[in-house]
């Protein structure tokens, strides 16, 4: 049984380029129009060290700019994909483009790690756009504290370039060596961090539930009385979206309503 690997991140982060790099051909495509972007994903299989994987690209988690899938719609698409995967999910890969580190990264991370997957699926990070660095890995050493401060603890990371650069007259690409090295890094990341026993989507409790202990006593003439004592409150996913994902109550309730219908 192949293991499902899902890539997520914002549009322009290099997700599709990473997918195509792993596949060795163009398999991840998007089509844009005036009203937005209709996302299409072609999952493809790869074998790394004798283990079979199926890699899925996903719509960009943006803020609904023209020509892109609105953020809530992209979240619903990714959630729906995870729910449809009968074999479960073995790894999530968050793809981002250096050098800018956006506040939205931590919010998107929390949504999938804390709310949807309940911290049961490993998440790795692939940082693209580092082709100008003498040592691509040094970028992480300089910036890892930012991720830690925002509660982002990847099980593995790869600092790469997802482009080959210009084609030389000799027929080779300027960044071919760095590109090949980057492909090896991502393959090693997948192989080292996937779940051998995939996680399958669980029922999410969207709203808080108050737990009471009920005591029934019998009095004169067989009359009974019931007493409820507060025990605890189970936090719902909507509360987590507000506290960790920076959503307003209206935004969290709206998104929860959309996801409940999937």
C-alpha atoms as a PDB file:
ATOM      1  CA  UNK A   1       0.000   0.000   0.000  1.00  0.00           C
ATOM      2  CA  UNK A   2       1.524   3.370  -1.010  1.00  0.00           C
ATOM      3  CA  UNK A   3       1.762   6.152   1.552  1.00  0.00           C
ATOM      4  CA  UNK A   4      -0.035   9.439   0.859  1.00  0.00           C
ATOM      5  CA  UNK A   5       2.039  12.622   1.127  1.00  0.00           C
ATOM      6  CA  UNK A   6       0.249  15.996   0.927  1.00  0.00           C
ATOM      7  CA  UNK A   7       1.954  19.291   0.120  1.00  0.00           C
ATOM      8  CA  UNK A   8       0.345  22.513   1.362  1.00  0.00           C
ATOM      9  CA  UNK A   9       1.273  26.192   1.457  1.00  0.00           C
ATOM     10  CA  UNK A  10       0.518  29.478  -0.250  1.00  0.00           C
ATOM     11  CA  UNK A  11       0.408  30.121  -3.978  1.00  0.00           C
ATOM     12  CA  UNK A  12       3.890  30.956  -5.236  1.00  0.00           C
ATOM     13  CA  UNK A  13       5.635  28.952  -2.515  1.00  0.00           C
ATOM     14  CA  UNK A  14       6.904  26.401  -5.030  1.00  0.00           C
ATOM     15  CA  UNK A  15       4.576  23.491  -4.206  1.00  0.00           C
ATOM     16  CA  UNK A  16       3.922  22.586  -7.824  1.00  0.00           C
ATOM     17  CA  UNK A  17       7.618  22.923  -8.660  1.00  0.00           C
ATOM     18  CA  UNK A  18       8.500  20.520  -5.837  1.00  0.00           C
ATOM     19  CA  UNK A  19       5.869  18.069  -7.075  1.00  0.00           C
ATOM     20  CA  UNK A  20       7.203  18.248 -10.627  1.00  0.00           C
ATOM     21  CA  UNK A  21      10.781  17.919  -9.385  1.00  0.00           C
ATOM     22  CA  UNK A  22       9.929  14.694  -7.574  1.00  0.00           C
ATOM     23  CA  UNK A  23       7.959  13.355 -10.521  1.00  0.00           C
ATOM     24  CA  UNK A  24      10.617  14.232 -13.079  1.00  0.00           C
ATOM     25  CA  UNK A  25       7.916  15.750 -15.291  1.00  0.00           C
ATOM     26  CA  UNK A  26       5.068  18.276 -15.150  1.00  0.00           C
ATOM     27  CA  UNK A  27       2.184  16.698 -13.254  1.00  0.00           C
ATOM     28  CA  UNK A  28       0.965  19.596 -11.075  1.00  0.00           C
ATOM     29  CA  UNK A  29      -0.997  22.226 -12.974  1.00  0.00           C
ATOM     30  CA  UNK A  30      -3.326  25.104 -12.180  1.00  0.00           C
ATOM     31  CA  UNK A  31      -5.590  27.048 -14.504  1.00  0.00           C
ATOM     32  CA  UNK A  32      -6.524  30.655 -13.758  1.00  0.00           C
ATOM     33  CA  UNK A  33      -9.388  32.863 -14.788  1.00  0.00           C
ATOM     34  CA  UNK A  34     -10.959  36.204 -13.946  1.00  0.00           C
ATOM     35  CA  UNK A  35     -13.145  34.707 -11.216  1.00  0.00           C
ATOM     36  CA  UNK A  36     -10.384  32.732  -9.567  1.00  0.00           C
ATOM     37  CA  UNK A  37      -8.418  29.577 -10.036  1.00  0.00           C
ATOM     38  CA  UNK A  38      -9.874  26.113 -10.526  1.00  0.00           C
ATOM     39  CA  UNK A  39      -7.431  23.759  -8.912  1.00  0.00           C
ATOM     40  CA  UNK A  40      -6.530  20.447 -10.502  1.00  0.00           C
ATOM     41  CA  UNK A  41      -4.173  17.911  -8.979  1.00  0.00           C
ATOM     42  CA  UNK A  42      -2.803  14.753 -10.495  1.00  0.00           C
ATOM     43  CA  UNK A  43      -1.449  12.542  -7.724  1.00  0.00           C
ATOM     44  CA  UNK A  44       1.589  10.600  -8.804  1.00  0.00           C
ATOM     45  CA  UNK A  45       3.508   7.676  -7.440  1.00  0.00           C
ATOM     46  CA  UNK A  46       7.203   7.548  -6.605  1.00  0.00           C
ATOM     47  CA  UNK A  47       9.445   4.962  -5.020  1.00  0.00           C
ATOM     48  CA  UNK A  48      12.045   6.060  -2.489  1.00  0.00           C
ATOM     49  CA  UNK A  49      14.387   3.427  -1.157  1.00  0.00           C
ATOM     50  CA  UNK A  50      11.914   0.646  -1.865  1.00  0.00           C
ATOM     51  CA  UNK A  51       8.902   2.416  -0.313  1.00  0.00           C
ATOM     52  CA  UNK A  52       6.003   3.568  -2.485  1.00  0.00           C
ATOM     53  CA  UNK A  53       4.455   7.006  -2.005  1.00  0.00           C
ATOM     54  CA  UNK A  54       1.665   8.971  -3.658  1.00  0.00           C
ATOM     55  CA  UNK A  55       2.311  12.725  -3.649  1.00  0.00           C
ATOM     56  CA  UNK A  56      -0.578  15.205  -3.826  1.00  0.00           C
ATOM     57  CA  UNK A  57      -0.354  18.906  -4.650  1.00  0.00           C
ATOM     58  CA  UNK A  58      -3.046  21.164  -3.150  1.00  0.00           C
ATOM     59  CA  UNK A  59      -4.543  24.611  -3.765  1.00  0.00           C
ATOM     60  CA  UNK A  60      -2.689  27.611  -2.374  1.00  0.00           C
ATOM     61  CA  UNK A  61      -3.786  28.837   1.064  1.00  0.00           C
ATOM     62  CA  UNK A  62      -4.077  32.486   0.079  1.00  0.00           C
ATOM     63  CA  UNK A  63      -6.274  35.361   1.091  1.00  0.00           C
ATOM     64  CA  UNK A  64      -8.575  35.210  -1.923  1.00  0.00           C
ATOM     65  CA  UNK A  65      -6.645  37.477  -4.300  1.00  0.00           C
ATOM     66  CA  UNK A  66      -8.093  37.678  -7.795  1.00  0.00           C
ATOM     67  CA  UNK A  67      -7.002  34.706  -9.884  1.00  0.00           C
ATOM     68  CA  UNK A  68      -6.565  32.431  -6.877  1.00  0.00           C
ATOM     69  CA  UNK A  69      -8.722  30.029  -4.912  1.00  0.00           C
ATOM     70  CA  UNK A  70     -10.195  31.817  -1.858  1.00  0.00           C
ATOM     71  CA  UNK A  71      -8.476  30.626   1.320  1.00  0.00           C
ATOM     72  CA  UNK A  72     -11.567  29.015   2.847  1.00  0.00           C
ATOM     73  CA  UNK A  73     -12.249  27.127  -0.383  1.00  0.00           C
ATOM     74  CA  UNK A  74      -8.649  25.897  -0.539  1.00  0.00           C
ATOM     75  CA  UNK A  75      -8.881  24.661   3.061  1.00  0.00           C
ATOM     76  CA  UNK A  76     -12.110  22.808   2.272  1.00  0.00           C
ATOM     77  CA  UNK A  77     -10.487  21.219  -0.803  1.00  0.00           C
ATOM     78  CA  UNK A  78      -7.517  19.990   1.212  1.00  0.00           C
ATOM     79  CA  UNK A  79      -9.754  18.745   4.034  1.00  0.00           C
ATOM     80  CA  UNK A  80     -11.958  16.948   1.498  1.00  0.00           C
ATOM     81  CA  UNK A  81      -8.914  15.295  -0.085  1.00  0.00           C
ATOM     82  CA  UNK A  82      -7.705  14.042   3.296  1.00  0.00           C
ATOM     83  CA  UNK A  83     -11.154  12.689   4.079  1.00  0.00           C
ATOM     84  CA  UNK A  84     -11.363  10.830   0.746  1.00  0.00           C
ATOM     85  CA  UNK A  85      -8.039   9.056   1.166  1.00  0.00           C
ATOM     86  CA  UNK A  86      -9.147   5.623   2.366  1.00  0.00           C
ATOM     87  CA  UNK A  87      -5.513   4.610   2.879  1.00  0.00           C
ATOM     88  CA  UNK A  88      -4.962   7.528   5.244  1.00  0.00           C
ATOM     89  CA  UNK A  89      -2.270  10.211   5.353  1.00  0.00           C
ATOM     90  CA  UNK A  90       1.366   9.482   6.168  1.00  0.00           C
ATOM     91  CA  UNK A  91       2.960  12.925   5.892  1.00  0.00           C
ATOM     92  CA  UNK A  92       2.160  16.608   5.419  1.00  0.00           C
ATOM     93  CA  UNK A  93       4.783  18.867   3.874  1.00  0.00           C
ATOM     94  CA  UNK A  94       4.508  22.613   4.378  1.00  0.00           C
ATOM     95  CA  UNK A  95       6.155  24.432   1.467  1.00  0.00           C
ATOM     96  CA  UNK A  96       7.233  28.062   1.821  1.00  0.00           C
ATOM     97  CA  UNK A  97       9.425  30.411  -0.180  1.00  0.00           C
ATOM     98  CA  UNK A  98      12.346  32.235   1.436  1.00  0.00           C
ATOM     99  CA  UNK A  99      13.284  34.783   2.561  1.00  0.00           C
ATOM    100  CA  UNK A 100      10.000  36.201   3.848  1.00  0.00           C
ATOM    101  CA  UNK A 101       8.361  34.492   6.835  1.00  0.00           C
ATOM    102  CA  UNK A 102       4.682  35.450   7.026  1.00  0.00           C
ATOM    103  CA  UNK A 103       2.408  35.479  10.070  1.00  0.00           C
ATOM    104  CA  UNK A 104      -0.064  33.360   8.096  1.00  0.00           C
ATOM    105  CA  UNK A 105       2.386  30.434   8.071  1.00  0.00           C
ATOM    106  CA  UNK A 106       1.910  29.726  11.777  1.00  0.00           C
ATOM    107  CA  UNK A 107      -1.883  30.080  11.470  1.00  0.00           C
ATOM    108  CA  UNK A 108      -2.094  27.639   8.555  1.00  0.00           C
ATOM    109  CA  UNK A 109       0.243  25.256  10.376  1.00  0.00           C
ATOM    110  CA  UNK A 110      -1.933  25.340  13.503  1.00  0.00           C
ATOM    111  CA  UNK A 111      -5.094  24.759  11.483  1.00  0.00           C
ATOM    112  CA  UNK A 112      -3.855  21.498  10.014  1.00  0.00           C
ATOM    113  CA  UNK A 113      -1.662  20.331  12.877  1.00  0.00           C
ATOM    114  CA  UNK A 114      -3.826  21.216  15.888  1.00  0.00           C
ATOM    115  CA  UNK A 115      -7.367  21.302  14.481  1.00  0.00           C
ATOM    116  CA  UNK A 116      -7.663  18.855  11.605  1.00  0.00           C
ATOM    117  CA  UNK A 117      -4.922  16.298  12.288  1.00  0.00           C
ATOM    118  CA  UNK A 118      -4.790  16.732  16.086  1.00  0.00           C
ATOM    119  CA  UNK A 119      -0.989  16.508  16.038  1.00  0.00           C
ATOM    120  CA  UNK A 120      -1.183  12.899  14.825  1.00  0.00           C
ATOM    121  CA  UNK A 121       0.404  13.434  11.395  1.00  0.00           C
ATOM    122  CA  UNK A 122       4.054  14.505  11.083  1.00  0.00           C
ATOM    123  CA  UNK A 123       4.630  17.794   9.277  1.00  0.00           C
ATOM    124  CA  UNK A 124       7.905  18.595   7.539  1.00  0.00           C
ATOM    125  CA  UNK A 125       8.985  21.891   5.974  1.00  0.00           C
ATOM    126  CA  UNK A 126      10.467  22.475   2.532  1.00  0.00           C
ATOM    127  CA  UNK A 127      11.908  25.970   2.044  1.00  0.00           C
ATOM    128  CA  UNK A 128      12.301  26.986  -1.615  1.00  0.00           C
ATOM    129  CA  UNK A 129      13.915  30.002  -3.288  1.00  0.00           C
ATOM    130  CA  UNK A 130      17.391  29.492  -1.822  1.00  0.00           C
ATOM    131  CA  UNK A 131      19.308  29.141  -5.089  1.00  0.00           C
ATOM    132  CA  UNK A 132      21.340  32.307  -4.387  1.00  0.00           C
ATOM    133  CA  UNK A 133      22.623  31.026  -1.046  1.00  0.00           C
ATOM    134  CA  UNK A 134      26.164  29.644  -0.923  1.00  0.00           C
ATOM    135  CA  UNK A 135      24.923  27.125   1.629  1.00  0.00           C
ATOM    136  CA  UNK A 136      21.161  26.585   1.359  1.00  0.00           C
ATOM    137  CA  UNK A 137      20.994  24.811   4.732  1.00  0.00           C
ATOM    138  CA  UNK A 138      22.407  27.862   6.522  1.00  0.00           C
ATOM    139  CA  UNK A 139      19.087  29.666   5.996  1.00  0.00           C
ATOM    140  CA  UNK A 140      17.372  27.347   8.461  1.00  0.00           C
ATOM    141  CA  UNK A 141      20.110  27.784  11.048  1.00  0.00           C
ATOM    142  CA  UNK A 142      19.548  31.544  10.907  1.00  0.00           C
ATOM    143  CA  UNK A 143      15.749  31.429  11.027  1.00  0.00           C
ATOM    144  CA  UNK A 144      14.706  28.356  13.014  1.00  0.00           C
ATOM    145  CA  UNK A 145      14.042  30.348  16.196  1.00  0.00           C
ATOM    146  CA  UNK A 146      11.219  32.196  14.442  1.00  0.00           C
ATOM    147  CA  UNK A 147       9.425  28.929  13.730  1.00  0.00           C
ATOM    148  CA  UNK A 148       9.879  27.705  17.283  1.00  0.00           C
ATOM    149  CA  UNK A 149       8.460  30.927  18.726  1.00  0.00           C
ATOM    150  CA  UNK A 150       5.362  30.388  16.597  1.00  0.00           C
ATOM    151  CA  UNK A 151       4.825  26.761  17.583  1.00  0.00           C
ATOM    152  CA  UNK A 152       6.079  25.285  14.311  1.00  0.00           C
ATOM    153  CA  UNK A 153       8.170  22.205  15.043  1.00  0.00           C
ATOM    154  CA  UNK A 154       8.764  20.234  11.827  1.00  0.00           C
ATOM    155  CA  UNK A 155       9.913  16.645  12.114  1.00  0.00           C
ATOM    156  CA  UNK A 156      12.283  17.310   9.209  1.00  0.00           C
ATOM    157  CA  UNK A 157      13.212  20.196   6.907  1.00  0.00           C
ATOM    158  CA  UNK A 158      14.852  20.698   3.532  1.00  0.00           C
ATOM    159  CA  UNK A 159      16.271  23.986   2.242  1.00  0.00           C
ATOM    160  CA  UNK A 160      16.272  23.827  -1.547  1.00  0.00           C
ATOM    161  CA  UNK A 161      15.866  25.348  -4.964  1.00  0.00           C
ATOM    162  CA  UNK A 162      12.954  24.085  -7.039  1.00  0.00           C
ATOM    163  CA  UNK A 163      14.137  25.651 -10.308  1.00  0.00           C
ATOM    164  CA  UNK A 164      16.848  24.655 -12.758  1.00  0.00           C
ATOM    165  CA  UNK A 165      17.699  28.167 -13.913  1.00  0.00           C
ATOM    166  CA  UNK A 166      18.512  29.197 -17.468  1.00  0.00           C
ATOM    167  CA  UNK A 167      19.411  26.694 -20.145  1.00  0.00           C
ATOM    168  CA  UNK A 168      23.022  27.026 -21.266  1.00  0.00           C
ATOM    169  CA  UNK A 169      24.111  26.690 -24.875  1.00  0.00           C
ATOM    170  CA  UNK A 170      25.750  23.441 -23.840  1.00  0.00           C
ATOM    171  CA  UNK A 171      22.299  22.021 -23.110  1.00  0.00           C
ATOM    172  CA  UNK A 172      22.691  21.993 -19.324  1.00  0.00           C
ATOM    173  CA  UNK A 173      20.914  24.191 -16.801  1.00  0.00           C
ATOM    174  CA  UNK A 174      22.697  26.771 -14.655  1.00  0.00           C
ATOM    175  CA  UNK A 175      21.291  25.333 -11.412  1.00  0.00           C
ATOM    176  CA  UNK A 176      21.191  21.674 -12.411  1.00  0.00           C
ATOM    177  CA  UNK A 177      23.593  20.572  -9.672  1.00  0.00           C
ATOM    178  CA  UNK A 178      21.662  22.439  -6.954  1.00  0.00           C
ATOM    179  CA  UNK A 179      18.369  21.152  -8.378  1.00  0.00           C
ATOM    180  CA  UNK A 180      19.517  17.530  -8.271  1.00  0.00           C
ATOM    181  CA  UNK A 181      20.825  18.014  -4.738  1.00  0.00           C
ATOM    182  CA  UNK A 182      17.470  19.510  -3.743  1.00  0.00           C
ATOM    183  CA  UNK A 183      15.536  16.563  -5.155  1.00  0.00           C
ATOM    184  CA  UNK A 184      17.689  14.215  -3.089  1.00  0.00           C
ATOM    185  CA  UNK A 185      17.002  16.306   0.026  1.00  0.00           C
ATOM    186  CA  UNK A 186      13.232  16.162  -0.414  1.00  0.00           C
ATOM    187  CA  UNK A 187      13.317  12.428  -1.092  1.00  0.00           C
ATOM    188  CA  UNK A 188      15.323  11.864   2.093  1.00  0.00           C
ATOM    189  CA  UNK A 189      12.919  14.110   4.023  1.00  0.00           C
ATOM    190  CA  UNK A 190       9.931  12.041   2.913  1.00  0.00           C
ATOM    191  CA  UNK A 191      11.637   8.738   3.600  1.00  0.00           C
ATOM    192  CA  UNK A 192      12.763   9.774   7.081  1.00  0.00           C
ATOM    193  CA  UNK A 193       9.554  11.362   8.373  1.00  0.00           C
ATOM    194  CA  UNK A 194       6.500   9.501   7.044  1.00  0.00           C
ATOM    195  CA  UNK A 195       4.135   7.444   9.221  1.00  0.00           C
ATOM    196  CA  UNK A 196       4.503   3.728   8.630  1.00  0.00           C
ATOM    197  CA  UNK A 197       0.933   3.313   9.866  1.00  0.00           C
ATOM    198  CA  UNK A 198      -1.066   6.070   8.138  1.00  0.00           C
ATOM    199  CA  UNK A 199      -3.476   8.291  10.042  1.00  0.00           C
ATOM    200  CA  UNK A 200      -7.094   8.252   8.921  1.00  0.00           C
ATOM    201  CA  UNK A 201      -9.440  11.185   9.254  1.00  0.00           C
ATOM    202  CA  UNK A 202     -11.314  11.209  12.547  1.00  0.00           C
ATOM    203  CA  UNK A 203     -14.595  12.845  13.487  1.00  0.00           C
ATOM    204  CA  UNK A 204     -13.906  16.406  14.594  1.00  0.00           C
ATOM    205  CA  UNK A 205     -15.794  17.954  17.490  1.00  0.00           C
ATOM    206  CA  UNK A 206     -16.296  21.483  16.207  1.00  0.00           C
ATOM    207  CA  UNK A 207     -17.975  23.025  19.233  1.00  0.00           C
ATOM    208  CA  UNK A 208     -17.220  22.956  22.958  1.00  0.00           C
ATOM    209  CA  UNK A 209     -18.958  20.408  25.143  1.00  0.00           C
ATOM    210  CA  UNK A 210     -19.489  20.818  28.877  1.00  0.00           C
ATOM    211  CA  UNK A 211     -19.232  17.568  30.862  1.00  0.00           C
ATOM    212  CA  UNK A 212     -21.285  17.124  34.027  1.00  0.00           C
ATOM    213  CA  UNK A 213     -21.426  14.337  36.593  1.00  0.00           C
ATOM    214  CA  UNK A 214     -25.042  13.471  37.336  1.00  0.00           C
ATOM    215  CA  UNK A 215     -26.101  12.187  40.754  1.00  0.00           C
ATOM    216  CA  UNK A 216     -29.612  10.765  41.244  1.00  0.00           C
ATOM    217  CA  UNK A 217     -30.990  10.447  44.776  1.00  0.00           C
ATOM    218  CA  UNK A 218     -34.246   8.883  45.980  1.00  0.00           C
ATOM    219  CA  UNK A 219     -36.206  10.585  48.730  1.00  0.00           C
ATOM    220  CA  UNK A 220     -39.569  10.215  50.469  1.00  0.00           C
ATOM    221  CA  UNK A 221     -42.309   8.392  48.577  1.00  0.00           C
ATOM    222  CA  UNK A 222     -39.820   7.218  46.014  1.00  0.00           C
ATOM    223  CA  UNK A 223     -39.289  10.668  44.574  1.00  0.00           C
ATOM    224  CA  UNK A 224     -35.997  11.135  42.783  1.00  0.00           C
ATOM    225  CA  UNK A 225     -33.894  14.231  42.375  1.00  0.00           C
ATOM    226  CA  UNK A 226     -31.066  14.864  39.990  1.00  0.00           C
ATOM    227  CA  UNK A 227     -27.983  16.938  40.649  1.00  0.00           C
ATOM    228  CA  UNK A 228     -25.423  17.951  38.045  1.00  0.00           C
ATOM    229  CA  UNK A 229     -21.874  18.869  39.002  1.00  0.00           C
ATOM    230  CA  UNK A 230     -19.526  20.513  36.527  1.00  0.00           C
ATOM    231  CA  UNK A 231     -16.555  18.299  35.629  1.00  0.00           C
ATOM    232  CA  UNK A 232     -14.789  19.908  32.678  1.00  0.00           C
ATOM    233  CA  UNK A 233     -15.199  21.528  29.286  1.00  0.00           C
ATOM    234  CA  UNK A 234     -13.948  19.787  26.164  1.00  0.00           C
ATOM    235  CA  UNK A 235     -12.643  22.458  23.824  1.00  0.00           C
ATOM    236  CA  UNK A 236     -14.098  22.354  20.335  1.00  0.00           C
ATOM    237  CA  UNK A 237     -12.224  22.913  17.093  1.00  0.00           C
ATOM    238  CA  UNK A 238     -13.844  26.337  16.717  1.00  0.00           C
ATOM    239  CA  UNK A 239     -12.191  27.457  19.968  1.00  0.00           C
ATOM    240  CA  UNK A 240      -8.824  26.191  18.736  1.00  0.00           C
ATOM    241  CA  UNK A 241      -9.235  28.043  15.446  1.00  0.00           C
ATOM    242  CA  UNK A 242      -9.824  31.253  17.386  1.00  0.00           C
ATOM    243  CA  UNK A 243      -6.982  30.784  19.858  1.00  0.00           C
ATOM    244  CA  UNK A 244      -4.282  29.346  17.594  1.00  0.00           C
ATOM    245  CA  UNK A 245      -5.253  30.290  14.031  1.00  0.00           C
ATOM    246  CA  UNK A 246      -6.054  33.946  14.650  1.00  0.00           C
ATOM    247  CA  UNK A 247      -9.653  33.652  13.427  1.00  0.00           C
ATOM    248  CA  UNK A 248     -12.565  35.713  14.649  1.00  0.00           C
ATOM    249  CA  UNK A 249     -15.578  33.853  16.026  1.00  0.00           C
ATOM    250  CA  UNK A 250     -17.473  34.587  12.813  1.00  0.00           C
ATOM    251  CA  UNK A 251     -14.631  33.275  10.619  1.00  0.00           C
ATOM    252  CA  UNK A 252     -14.175  30.135  12.720  1.00  0.00           C
ATOM    253  CA  UNK A 253     -17.889  29.323  12.748  1.00  0.00           C
ATOM    254  CA  UNK A 254     -18.179  29.897   9.007  1.00  0.00           C
ATOM    255  CA  UNK A 255     -15.226  27.625   8.217  1.00  0.00           C
ATOM    256  CA  UNK A 256     -16.465  24.955  10.630  1.00  0.00           C
ATOM    257  CA  UNK A 257     -19.829  25.024   8.905  1.00  0.00           C
ATOM    258  CA  UNK A 258     -18.181  24.538   5.513  1.00  0.00           C
ATOM    259  CA  UNK A 259     -16.025  21.649   6.719  1.00  0.00           C
ATOM    260  CA  UNK A 260     -18.941  19.917   8.447  1.00  0.00           C
ATOM    261  CA  UNK A 261     -20.648  19.615   5.057  1.00  0.00           C
ATOM    262  CA  UNK A 262     -17.709  17.811   3.415  1.00  0.00           C
END
